[in-house]
């Protein structure tokens, strides 16, 4: 049974002192090789791409240069809720391009009306008189207040 006894078995690494140095040497060699490979992969050439050139990354470069000024959509100046005399709610988004959007629901789609010369907003069979700062407006002939 002596050969199965772990106390009498030969050590797995007979020369431990020499092995520690070999592991460090291998580790440093591998790190140096990895760093050399990483640096060799770097390309020091100029990567500048000229817009519209043969290597242009943007196929729409010429189309973008020929565009005219882009007009942004109208921004909301104020958004108010109004209760009308017939107890219905109307939400109005006042826009900065002299239009207003009348909506039956807060997040719903609405009817856009444009401001006329007389100061009233009309469009798509609807009419609105008032301003974003007014407490009371008239919608389709009916008085509504905030």
Protein backbone atom coordinates (compact mmCIF):
# COMPACT_ATOMS: atom_id res chain seq x y z
CA UNK A 1 0.00 0.00 0.00
CA UNK A 2 2.95 2.29 0.17
CA UNK A 3 2.71 3.43 -3.38
CA UNK A 4 -0.86 4.70 -2.86
CA UNK A 5 0.08 6.68 0.20
CA UNK A 6 0.16 10.41 -0.58
CA UNK A 7 2.78 11.12 2.03
CA UNK A 8 5.31 8.88 0.28
CA UNK A 9 4.45 9.87 -3.30
CA UNK A 10 6.88 11.90 -5.32
CA UNK A 11 5.97 15.62 -5.58
CA UNK A 12 4.21 16.77 -8.74
CA UNK A 13 6.69 19.60 -9.23
CA UNK A 14 10.09 18.43 -8.06
CA UNK A 15 11.91 21.77 -8.45
CA UNK A 16 9.55 24.51 -7.23
CA UNK A 17 12.18 27.23 -6.92
CA UNK A 18 13.12 27.04 -10.60
CA UNK A 19 9.48 26.85 -11.68
CA UNK A 20 8.52 30.25 -10.21
CA UNK A 21 11.08 32.00 -12.36
CA UNK A 22 9.96 30.14 -15.47
CA UNK A 23 6.33 31.16 -14.94
CA UNK A 24 7.28 34.83 -14.57
CA UNK A 25 9.47 34.66 -17.66
CA UNK A 26 6.68 33.11 -19.70
CA UNK A 27 4.13 35.65 -18.42
CA UNK A 28 6.34 38.62 -19.26
CA UNK A 29 7.13 37.15 -22.68
CA UNK A 30 3.44 36.69 -23.45
CA UNK A 31 2.63 40.25 -22.32
CA UNK A 32 5.44 41.62 -24.46
CA UNK A 33 4.25 39.64 -27.49
CA UNK A 34 0.65 40.83 -27.01
CA UNK A 35 1.77 44.46 -26.73
CA UNK A 36 3.91 44.13 -29.84
CA UNK A 37 1.01 42.62 -31.79
CA UNK A 38 -1.34 45.39 -30.65
CA UNK A 39 1.10 48.10 -31.68
CA UNK A 40 1.79 46.41 -35.01
CA UNK A 41 -1.94 46.53 -35.77
CA UNK A 42 -1.94 50.34 -35.47
CA UNK A 43 -1.82 52.18 -38.76
CA UNK A 44 -0.21 55.59 -38.61
CA UNK A 45 -1.55 56.75 -41.98
CA UNK A 46 -3.88 59.71 -42.31
CA UNK A 47 -7.55 58.71 -42.07
CA UNK A 48 -9.02 62.03 -43.18
CA UNK A 49 -12.02 61.63 -45.48
CA UNK A 50 -12.85 64.55 -47.72
CA UNK A 51 -16.60 65.11 -48.11
CA UNK A 52 -17.66 64.37 -51.64
CA UNK A 53 -14.35 62.68 -52.47
CA UNK A 54 -13.97 59.20 -53.92
CA UNK A 55 -13.76 57.69 -50.42
CA UNK A 56 -16.66 59.71 -49.07
CA UNK A 57 -18.54 57.92 -46.30
CA UNK A 58 -21.71 59.94 -46.89
CA UNK A 59 -23.47 59.09 -50.16
CA UNK A 60 -25.95 61.93 -49.56
CA UNK A 61 -23.30 64.65 -49.19
CA UNK A 62 -24.16 66.35 -52.50
CA UNK A 63 -27.89 66.17 -51.83
CA UNK A 64 -27.46 67.76 -48.41
CA UNK A 65 -25.36 70.59 -49.84
CA UNK A 66 -28.08 71.41 -52.37
CA UNK A 67 -30.91 71.63 -49.81
CA UNK A 68 -32.59 74.91 -49.20
CA UNK A 69 -33.24 76.26 -45.71
CA UNK A 70 -35.26 73.79 -43.67
CA UNK A 71 -38.31 75.19 -41.90
CA UNK A 72 -38.94 73.69 -38.50
CA UNK A 73 -42.48 72.78 -37.42
CA UNK A 74 -44.35 75.24 -35.25
CA UNK A 75 -43.57 75.19 -31.53
CA UNK A 76 -46.22 75.17 -28.82
CA UNK A 77 -46.30 78.51 -27.01
CA UNK A 78 -49.03 77.52 -24.54
CA UNK A 79 -51.29 74.55 -23.96
CA UNK A 80 -54.51 75.26 -22.07
CA UNK A 81 -57.66 73.36 -21.13
CA UNK A 82 -61.02 75.13 -21.38
CA UNK A 83 -64.45 74.18 -20.01
CA UNK A 84 -67.26 75.37 -22.28
CA UNK A 85 -70.84 76.37 -21.37
CA UNK A 86 -72.19 72.98 -22.52
CA UNK A 87 -69.81 71.34 -19.96
CA UNK A 88 -67.46 69.95 -22.63
CA UNK A 89 -63.68 70.14 -22.39
CA UNK A 90 -61.53 71.53 -25.17
CA UNK A 91 -57.74 71.54 -25.17
CA UNK A 92 -55.98 74.24 -27.19
CA UNK A 93 -52.33 74.23 -28.20
CA UNK A 94 -51.33 77.77 -29.13
CA UNK A 95 -48.52 77.65 -31.71
CA UNK A 96 -45.91 80.28 -32.57
CA UNK A 97 -46.87 80.51 -36.25
CA UNK A 98 -50.24 82.20 -35.56
CA UNK A 99 -52.15 78.93 -35.53
CA UNK A 100 -53.91 76.98 -32.80
CA UNK A 101 -54.83 73.32 -32.50
CA UNK A 102 -58.25 72.49 -31.01
CA UNK A 103 -58.29 69.00 -29.46
CA UNK A 104 -61.13 67.03 -27.83
CA UNK A 105 -58.59 65.07 -25.73
CA UNK A 106 -55.38 66.22 -24.11
CA UNK A 107 -53.15 63.86 -26.10
CA UNK A 108 -55.37 63.45 -29.13
CA UNK A 109 -55.19 64.86 -32.62
CA UNK A 110 -57.04 68.04 -33.28
CA UNK A 111 -58.17 70.60 -35.77
CA UNK A 112 -55.68 73.28 -36.74
CA UNK A 113 -57.07 76.79 -37.19
CA UNK A 114 -55.12 79.76 -38.56
CA UNK A 115 -55.29 83.35 -37.38
CA UNK A 116 -57.00 85.67 -39.85
CA UNK A 117 -56.67 89.41 -40.40
CA UNK A 118 -59.49 90.16 -37.95
CA UNK A 119 -57.72 88.27 -35.14
CA UNK A 120 -59.99 85.23 -35.13
CA UNK A 121 -58.77 81.74 -35.87
CA UNK A 122 -60.67 79.79 -38.53
CA UNK A 123 -60.22 76.56 -40.43
CA UNK A 124 -61.83 73.20 -41.16
CA UNK A 125 -65.28 74.46 -40.11
CA UNK A 126 -64.11 75.66 -36.68
CA UNK A 127 -63.66 79.17 -35.30
CA UNK A 128 -61.79 80.47 -32.28
CA UNK A 129 -61.40 83.95 -30.89
CA UNK A 130 -59.03 84.81 -28.08
CA UNK A 131 -55.37 84.44 -27.20
CA UNK A 132 -53.20 82.10 -25.17
CA UNK A 133 -53.12 84.56 -22.26
CA UNK A 134 -56.92 85.03 -22.12
CA UNK A 135 -58.92 83.31 -19.39
CA UNK A 136 -61.99 83.08 -21.64
CA UNK A 137 -62.11 82.25 -25.35
CA UNK A 138 -64.96 81.71 -27.79
CA UNK A 139 -64.98 78.40 -29.68
CA UNK A 140 -67.56 77.97 -32.45
CA UNK A 141 -69.65 80.79 -30.90
CA UNK A 142 -69.60 79.23 -27.43
CA UNK A 143 -67.83 80.83 -24.44
CA UNK A 144 -65.19 78.65 -22.77
CA UNK A 145 -63.01 79.47 -19.78
CA UNK A 146 -59.96 78.00 -18.11
